[in-house]
Amino acid sequence: MPRVLIAPVTVTPTKPLTPSHIKGLLWVDVMYRATAALADTTYRYSNTTYNVTAQTLGYWEFLDRTIGDTDYSAQTEEELGESYMRFQAEGRRPPFAALRPYLRAVESSGWVHPASARLLELWTGHFARLGLHDPGLTTVRHPAFGLEELIDHLAARDLCLDCRPDNGPVYLDLTRYGMPLRQIVTRECQPNYLAGALRELVPLATSYDRTVLVHDRELTDDYLLLQRLLGVLGAEVVRDAVTRVPVDGVIRSSRFGGWHGYTVPSLVETCGDADPEVLRLGMRLYFIAVLGRGSDRSFQAALLRQYVDRARTILAGGAGAATHDVVGYLRRHRPRGGLHVDPYRLTSAMLGRRDRAVAGDVAGQVYC
């Protein structure tokens, strides 16, 4: 059986989950659950790896500096998200010296600030409500490479430019392949998210027959670099770039707000009193098949409700039906030469008349 690694971009635990996050999480969930029926599949998602970035550490430092010792256990996503907006609006980025103690705590023990721990607690509930596989939201999972080990590994293969001896940053260097230099560590030794991805995937990807990188389309340039570098090191890598979801025609970063009324509880409320299986399938039909990989269509609550109703019909049609060859059906929805199942192709097919007979069985195994 082939081995497949699915490695999506993680959502930093600093703000509420928005329609864009939900789309990405549902997309990866369907890919993982469908592919797991065909291959030995690993879903790699590690908050520990990415909590050392300036975005997350800066948020934590801001909370401690402006609010101090606080009990976050009863705070809502919205309250925590508003704190994140204040952090971003401050415009002042703390010096790395102020972030270093937080970084050391993450690196040594996987420590998580109480505010982010509260968000992860809330997200675990959302994952359960939406039927999402939990890849380890609250699991301490350090990357196999430390930062110095990564830099030494890349430098030995002429794949990075380490300017720290001259008080400079560290760059990923794929210029021989016609790709630009990309900074991964500042001169103060602050890593960015791409350094985290490298620490996690460089020692891991070559152990698999195929690695699938799932990312926001806005991150394509960085993920092209990551794909090429892993390929140079001997890994077989493909990418799946997914667009974010506009709200009222605008794709807005969470740092600027715009998520009020569009968080997971709000979307679940939009779907009415749908049974859990109906809700889970309906959300996936809408966010994957309707919004698609590259659609610029804005979120529409009425259309989401329409596809929840469609899910109810699909599940009712599958009740009591004969068992079908679900594995064979899933194989037909892999990309050409691929080892993973394409969520869009599979989910779109679920809406077709031709596949109505098998849809109920597939829904039970992959969507609900």
Protein backbone atom coordinates (compact mmCIF):
# COMPACT_ATOMS: atom_id res chain seq x y z
CA MET A 1 0.00 0.00 0.00
CA PRO A 2 1.44 3.44 -0.94
CA ARG A 3 2.27 5.94 1.79
CA VAL A 4 0.82 9.45 1.45
CA LEU A 5 1.59 12.49 3.59
CA ILE A 6 -0.97 15.32 3.62
CA ALA A 7 0.56 18.53 4.98
CA PRO A 8 -1.75 21.57 5.03
CA VAL A 9 -1.05 25.08 6.22
CA THR A 10 -1.99 25.31 9.90
CA VAL A 11 -4.34 27.95 11.29
CA THR A 12 -2.53 29.89 14.02
CA PRO A 13 -4.51 29.83 17.30
CA THR A 14 -4.86 33.59 17.52
CA LYS A 15 -8.32 34.35 16.06
CA PRO A 16 -11.72 32.81 15.26
CA LEU A 17 -12.16 30.28 12.49
CA THR A 18 -13.61 32.07 9.45
CA PRO A 19 -15.28 30.74 6.27
CA SER A 20 -11.84 30.62 4.60
CA HIS A 21 -10.44 28.49 7.43
CA ILE A 22 -13.52 26.26 7.40
CA LYS A 23 -13.22 25.70 3.67
CA GLY A 24 -9.57 24.69 4.01
CA LEU A 25 -10.22 22.39 6.97
CA LEU A 26 -13.16 20.66 5.24
CA TRP A 27 -11.10 20.33 2.05
CA VAL A 28 -8.23 18.58 3.84
CA ASP A 29 -10.62 16.44 5.89
CA VAL A 30 -12.26 14.99 2.79
CA MET A 31 -8.88 14.48 1.12
CA TYR A 32 -7.56 12.66 4.18
CA ARG A 33 -10.57 10.45 4.85
CA ALA A 34 -11.00 9.49 1.20
CA THR A 35 -7.28 8.87 0.62
CA ALA A 36 -7.03 6.81 3.81
CA ALA A 37 -9.30 4.24 2.16
CA LEU A 38 -6.70 3.80 -0.62
CA ALA A 39 -3.31 4.38 1.01
CA ASP A 40 -1.44 4.50 4.30
CA THR A 41 -2.16 8.18 4.92
CA THR A 42 -0.72 10.64 7.44
CA TYR A 43 -2.37 13.99 8.15
CA ARG A 44 0.41 16.18 9.54
CA TYR A 45 -0.81 19.19 11.49
CA SER A 46 1.36 20.57 14.27
CA ASN A 47 0.63 23.78 16.11
CA THR A 48 3.87 23.30 18.06
CA THR A 49 5.90 23.74 14.88
CA TYR A 50 4.34 27.06 13.92
CA ASN A 51 3.81 28.64 17.35
CA VAL A 52 7.37 30.00 17.18
CA THR A 53 6.50 32.53 14.44
CA ALA A 54 6.44 36.25 15.18
CA GLN A 55 2.68 36.42 14.56
CA THR A 56 1.80 34.00 17.35
CA LEU A 57 4.55 34.96 19.79
CA GLY A 58 3.82 38.64 19.23
CA TYR A 59 0.14 38.09 20.06
CA TRP A 60 1.08 36.33 23.28
CA GLU A 61 3.53 39.06 24.28
CA PHE A 62 0.89 41.70 23.54
CA LEU A 63 -1.67 39.97 25.76
CA ASP A 64 0.75 39.67 28.66
CA ARG A 65 1.97 43.24 28.26
CA THR A 66 -1.44 44.90 27.92
CA ILE A 67 -3.75 42.63 29.90
CA GLY A 68 -1.47 40.70 32.22
CA ASP A 69 -2.38 37.63 34.22
CA THR A 70 -5.94 36.79 33.13
CA ASP A 71 -8.27 33.83 33.27
CA TYR A 72 -9.05 33.08 29.62
CA SER A 73 -11.06 29.92 30.32
CA ALA A 74 -14.44 31.57 29.78
CA GLN A 75 -13.53 33.87 26.89
CA THR A 76 -15.21 33.44 23.52
CA GLU A 77 -13.57 33.24 20.11
CA GLU A 78 -14.88 36.71 19.38
CA GLU A 79 -13.32 38.19 22.51
CA LEU A 80 -9.98 36.57 21.76
CA GLY A 81 -10.23 37.64 18.13
CA GLU A 82 -10.83 41.23 19.16
CA SER A 83 -7.65 41.09 21.25
CA TYR A 84 -5.84 39.84 18.14
CA MET A 85 -7.22 42.78 16.15
CA ARG A 86 -5.92 45.19 18.82
CA PHE A 87 -2.52 43.52 18.63
CA GLN A 88 -2.41 43.96 14.85
CA ALA A 89 -3.70 47.53 15.04
CA GLU A 90 -1.02 48.52 17.55
CA GLY A 91 1.46 48.64 14.69
CA ARG A 92 4.33 48.12 17.10
CA ARG A 93 6.23 44.89 16.75
CA PRO A 94 8.01 43.83 19.93
CA PRO A 95 11.77 43.28 19.73
CA PHE A 96 12.84 39.69 19.42
CA ALA A 97 14.33 39.89 22.92
CA ALA A 98 10.76 40.18 24.24
CA LEU A 99 9.65 37.14 22.23
CA ARG A 100 12.62 34.92 22.98
CA PRO A 101 11.29 33.57 26.34
CA TYR A 102 8.06 32.50 24.63
CA LEU A 103 9.99 30.84 21.81
CA ARG A 104 12.14 28.92 24.29
CA ALA A 105 9.04 27.72 26.14
CA VAL A 106 7.49 26.42 22.91
CA GLU A 107 10.71 24.76 21.79
CA SER A 108 11.46 23.13 25.14
CA SER A 109 8.03 21.88 26.20
CA GLY A 110 5.45 22.80 23.56
CA TRP A 111 4.02 25.44 25.90
CA VAL A 112 0.90 27.27 24.66
CA HIS A 113 -0.31 30.61 25.99
CA PRO A 114 -3.63 30.29 27.90
CA ALA A 115 -5.42 32.45 25.31
CA SER A 116 -4.41 30.11 22.47
CA ALA A 117 -5.10 27.08 24.65
CA ARG A 118 -8.65 28.40 25.07
CA LEU A 119 -9.02 28.85 21.31
CA LEU A 120 -7.81 25.31 20.69
CA GLU A 121 -10.32 24.04 23.25
CA LEU A 122 -13.11 25.81 21.37
CA TRP A 123 -11.83 24.56 18.02
CA THR A 124 -11.80 20.97 19.27
CA GLY A 125 -15.53 21.37 19.89
CA HIS A 126 -16.01 22.83 16.41
CA PHE A 127 -14.12 19.91 14.86
CA ALA A 128 -16.40 17.47 16.66
CA ARG A 129 -19.53 19.35 15.57
CA LEU A 130 -18.44 19.42 11.92
CA GLY A 131 -17.20 15.81 11.93
CA LEU A 132 -13.62 16.84 11.21
CA HIS A 133 -10.82 14.41 11.95
CA ASP A 134 -8.75 15.93 14.76
CA PRO A 135 -5.10 15.69 13.62
CA GLY A 136 -3.85 16.68 17.07
CA LEU A 137 -4.91 20.26 17.74
CA THR A 138 -3.72 20.11 21.33
CA THR A 139 -0.93 17.57 20.85
CA VAL A 140 2.64 18.67 21.51
CA ARG A 141 4.45 17.57 18.37
CA HIS A 142 7.92 19.02 17.80
CA PRO A 143 9.39 18.98 14.29
CA ALA A 144 12.09 16.37 13.74
CA PHE A 145 14.71 19.04 12.95
CA GLY A 146 15.77 21.85 15.25
CA LEU A 147 16.42 25.17 13.56
CA GLU A 148 20.20 24.81 13.63
CA GLU A 149 19.94 21.25 12.37
CA LEU A 150 17.80 22.43 9.45
CA ILE A 151 20.23 25.19 8.52
CA ASP A 152 23.20 22.80 8.70
CA HIS A 153 21.33 20.23 6.59
CA LEU A 154 20.48 22.78 3.88
CA ALA A 155 23.90 24.46 3.96
CA ALA A 156 25.64 21.11 3.43
CA ARG A 157 23.67 20.80 0.18
CA ASP A 158 24.14 24.44 -0.89
CA LEU A 159 20.43 25.09 -0.44
CA CYS A 160 20.65 28.01 1.96
CA LEU A 161 22.65 31.17 2.43
CA ASP A 162 23.54 31.71 6.09
CA CYS A 163 24.55 35.33 6.65
CA ARG A 164 24.46 35.21 10.45
CA PRO A 165 28.29 35.34 10.75
CA ASP A 166 27.99 38.80 9.17
CA ASN A 167 25.01 39.75 11.37
CA GLY A 168 22.56 38.94 8.58
CA PRO A 169 19.58 36.62 8.05
CA VAL A 170 19.32 33.11 6.64
CA TYR A 171 17.92 32.62 3.15
CA LEU A 172 16.56 29.58 1.36
CA ASP A 173 18.69 29.47 -1.82
CA LEU A 174 17.20 27.86 -4.91
CA THR A 175 18.65 30.42 -7.31
CA ARG A 176 20.31 27.65 -9.36
CA TYR A 177 16.76 26.56 -10.26
CA GLY A 178 15.75 30.07 -11.29
CA MET A 179 13.92 30.80 -8.03
CA PRO A 180 14.47 33.85 -5.81
CA LEU A 181 16.18 33.91 -2.45
CA ARG A 182 13.67 33.70 0.42
CA GLN A 183 14.44 34.73 3.96
CA ILE A 184 13.53 32.06 6.52
CA VAL A 185 15.30 33.39 9.64
CA THR A 186 15.90 37.01 10.65
CA ARG A 187 19.28 38.31 11.75
CA GLU A 188 18.02 37.99 15.35
CA CYS A 189 17.36 34.27 14.65
CA GLN A 190 13.56 34.59 14.54
CA PRO A 191 12.19 31.87 12.18
CA ASN A 192 9.15 32.43 9.96
CA TYR A 193 6.44 29.92 9.06
CA LEU A 194 8.39 28.66 6.04
CA ALA A 195 11.28 27.72 8.33
CA GLY A 196 8.75 25.76 10.38
CA ALA A 197 7.47 23.94 7.31
CA LEU A 198 11.05 23.06 6.36
CA ARG A 199 11.88 21.80 9.86
CA GLU A 200 8.86 19.55 9.74
CA LEU A 201 8.88 18.30 6.15
CA VAL A 202 12.56 18.07 5.15
CA PRO A 203 13.21 15.06 7.43
CA LEU A 204 9.74 13.60 6.84
CA ALA A 205 8.69 13.86 3.20
CA THR A 206 11.20 11.41 1.71
CA SER A 207 9.69 8.62 3.86
CA TYR A 208 6.48 8.81 1.83
CA ASP A 209 5.63 7.87 -1.74
CA ARG A 210 3.84 11.18 -2.18
CA THR A 211 3.49 14.38 -0.18
CA VAL A 212 0.51 16.67 -0.80
CA LEU A 213 0.99 20.31 0.24
CA VAL A 214 -2.36 22.07 0.75
CA HIS A 215 -2.14 25.86 1.02
CA ASP A 216 -3.86 29.18 0.44
CA ARG A 217 -3.39 30.46 -3.09
CA GLU A 218 -1.83 33.61 -1.62
CA LEU A 219 1.08 31.46 -0.40
CA THR A 220 1.80 29.91 -3.81
CA ASP A 221 5.24 31.49 -4.25
CA ASP A 222 6.50 30.08 -0.96
CA TYR A 223 4.97 26.67 -1.61
CA LEU A 224 6.54 26.49 -5.06
CA LEU A 225 9.88 26.96 -3.29
CA LEU A 226 8.98 24.31 -0.72
CA GLN A 227 7.87 21.87 -3.40
CA ARG A 228 11.04 22.35 -5.41
CA LEU A 229 13.32 22.03 -2.37
CA LEU A 230 11.66 18.82 -1.18
CA GLY A 231 11.93 17.48 -4.71
CA VAL A 232 15.64 18.27 -4.84
CA LEU A 233 16.02 16.28 -1.61
CA GLY A 234 14.30 13.27 -3.18
CA ALA A 235 10.63 13.61 -2.18
CA GLU A 236 7.68 13.26 -4.57
CA VAL A 237 5.58 16.36 -3.93
CA VAL A 238 2.38 17.84 -5.37
CA ARG A 239 0.55 20.99 -4.34
CA ASP A 240 -3.14 21.81 -3.98
CA ALA A 241 -3.78 25.56 -3.79
CA VAL A 242 -7.21 26.64 -2.54
CA THR A 243 -8.62 30.18 -2.61
CA ARG A 244 -10.04 31.93 0.41
CA VAL A 245 -13.75 32.74 0.74
CA PRO A 246 -14.81 36.37 0.17
CA VAL A 247 -17.42 37.88 2.47
CA ASP A 248 -19.51 40.55 0.73
CA GLY A 249 -17.04 40.45 -2.15
CA VAL A 250 -13.96 41.07 -0.01
CA ILE A 251 -11.25 38.66 1.13
CA ARG A 252 -10.27 40.15 4.45
CA SER A 253 -7.51 39.00 6.78
CA SER A 254 -8.70 38.04 10.26
CA ARG A 255 -6.48 40.78 11.67
CA PHE A 256 -8.95 43.34 10.29
CA GLY A 257 -12.07 41.63 11.61
CA GLY A 258 -15.08 41.03 9.37
CA TRP A 259 -15.64 37.61 10.93
CA HIS A 260 -18.46 38.63 13.29
CA GLY A 261 -21.49 36.60 12.28
CA TYR A 262 -19.38 34.17 10.23
CA THR A 263 -17.77 32.01 12.91
CA VAL A 264 -18.51 28.29 13.22
CA PRO A 265 -21.39 28.71 15.71
CA SER A 266 -22.96 31.32 13.42
CA LEU A 267 -22.69 29.06 10.37
CA VAL A 268 -24.11 26.10 12.27
CA GLU A 269 -27.01 28.29 13.36
CA THR A 270 -27.54 29.28 9.73
CA CYS A 271 -28.12 25.60 8.92
CA GLY A 272 -31.07 25.38 11.32
CA ASP A 273 -31.82 22.19 13.21
CA ALA A 274 -30.15 19.84 10.73
CA ASP A 275 -29.12 16.43 12.04
CA PRO A 276 -25.33 16.06 12.58
CA GLU A 277 -24.82 13.90 9.46
CA VAL A 278 -26.86 16.30 7.33
CA LEU A 279 -24.95 19.31 8.64
CA ARG A 280 -21.57 17.70 7.98
CA LEU A 281 -22.38 16.64 4.43
CA GLY A 282 -24.13 19.90 3.61
CA MET A 283 -21.19 22.00 4.78
CA ARG A 284 -18.83 19.96 2.63
CA LEU A 285 -21.07 20.13 -0.43
CA TYR A 286 -21.20 23.91 -0.14
CA PHE A 287 -17.63 24.78 0.82
CA ILE A 288 -15.96 22.23 -1.49
CA ALA A 289 -18.23 21.58 -4.49
CA VAL A 290 -19.95 24.97 -4.73
CA LEU A 291 -17.10 27.30 -3.74
CA GLY A 292 -14.55 25.09 -5.45
CA ARG A 293 -10.78 25.28 -5.60
CA GLY A 294 -10.47 28.68 -7.23
CA SER A 295 -13.88 30.34 -7.04
CA ASP A 296 -14.18 34.02 -6.10
CA ARG A 297 -17.85 33.60 -5.14
CA SER A 298 -18.77 35.27 -1.86
CA PHE A 299 -20.21 33.35 1.03
CA GLN A 300 -24.01 33.07 0.81
CA ALA A 301 -25.97 31.81 3.81
CA ALA A 302 -29.05 31.00 1.71
CA LEU A 303 -26.99 28.83 -0.63
CA LEU A 304 -25.42 27.01 2.32
CA ARG A 305 -28.92 26.19 3.60
CA GLN A 306 -29.87 24.96 0.13
CA TYR A 307 -27.00 22.47 0.11
CA VAL A 308 -27.83 21.31 3.63
CA ASP A 309 -31.25 20.43 2.20
CA ARG A 310 -29.49 18.69 -0.70
CA ALA A 311 -27.46 16.67 1.79
CA ARG A 312 -30.64 15.56 3.53
CA THR A 313 -31.92 14.22 0.19
CA ILE A 314 -28.65 12.39 -0.58
CA LEU A 315 -28.56 10.70 2.80
CA ALA A 316 -32.22 9.73 2.63
CA GLY A 317 -31.66 8.22 -0.83
CA GLY A 318 -28.83 6.06 0.49
CA ALA A 319 -30.79 4.63 3.41
CA GLY A 320 -31.35 0.92 2.97
CA ALA A 321 -29.61 0.81 -0.40
CA ALA A 322 -27.31 -2.01 -1.46
CA THR A 323 -23.65 -1.74 -0.57
CA HIS A 324 -21.50 -0.32 -3.37
CA ASP A 325 -17.80 -0.43 -4.24
CA VAL A 326 -16.80 2.73 -2.39
CA VAL A 327 -13.06 2.04 -2.72
CA GLY A 328 -13.34 1.67 -6.49
CA TYR A 329 -15.40 4.83 -6.64
CA LEU A 330 -12.81 6.79 -4.66
CA ARG A 331 -9.99 5.58 -6.93
CA ARG A 332 -11.75 7.16 -9.90
CA HIS A 333 -11.50 10.58 -8.26
CA ARG A 334 -7.74 10.81 -7.93
CA PRO A 335 -5.89 13.26 -10.19
CA ARG A 336 -4.04 11.70 -13.11
CA GLY A 337 -1.02 9.88 -11.70
CA GLY A 338 -2.02 10.88 -8.18
CA LEU A 339 -2.18 8.83 -5.02
CA HIS A 340 -4.61 11.11 -3.16
CA VAL A 341 -8.30 11.75 -3.77
CA ASP A 342 -9.23 15.17 -5.16
CA PRO A 343 -11.85 16.65 -2.78
CA TYR A 344 -13.42 18.82 -5.47
CA ARG A 345 -13.80 16.04 -8.03
CA LEU A 346 -15.23 13.65 -5.46
CA THR A 347 -17.62 16.12 -3.84
CA SER A 348 -18.87 17.50 -7.16
CA ALA A 349 -19.60 13.97 -8.33
CA MET A 350 -21.74 13.45 -5.23
CA LEU A 351 -24.17 15.98 -6.67
CA GLY A 352 -24.57 14.25 -10.03
CA ARG A 353 -27.49 12.01 -10.95
CA ARG A 354 -25.19 9.33 -12.31
CA ASP A 355 -23.60 8.77 -8.90
CA ARG A 356 -26.77 8.99 -6.84
CA ALA A 357 -26.82 5.28 -5.99
CA VAL A 358 -23.34 5.21 -4.44
CA ALA A 359 -23.49 8.69 -2.89
CA GLY A 360 -25.07 7.52 0.35
CA ASP A 361 -22.33 4.96 0.97
CA VAL A 362 -19.58 7.45 0.17
CA ALA A 363 -21.19 10.05 2.43
CA GLY A 364 -21.19 7.64 5.34
CA GLN A 365 -17.51 6.78 4.92
CA VAL A 366 -15.99 10.11 3.91
CA TYR A 367 -18.31 12.99 4.76
CA CYS A 368 -20.23 12.25 7.93
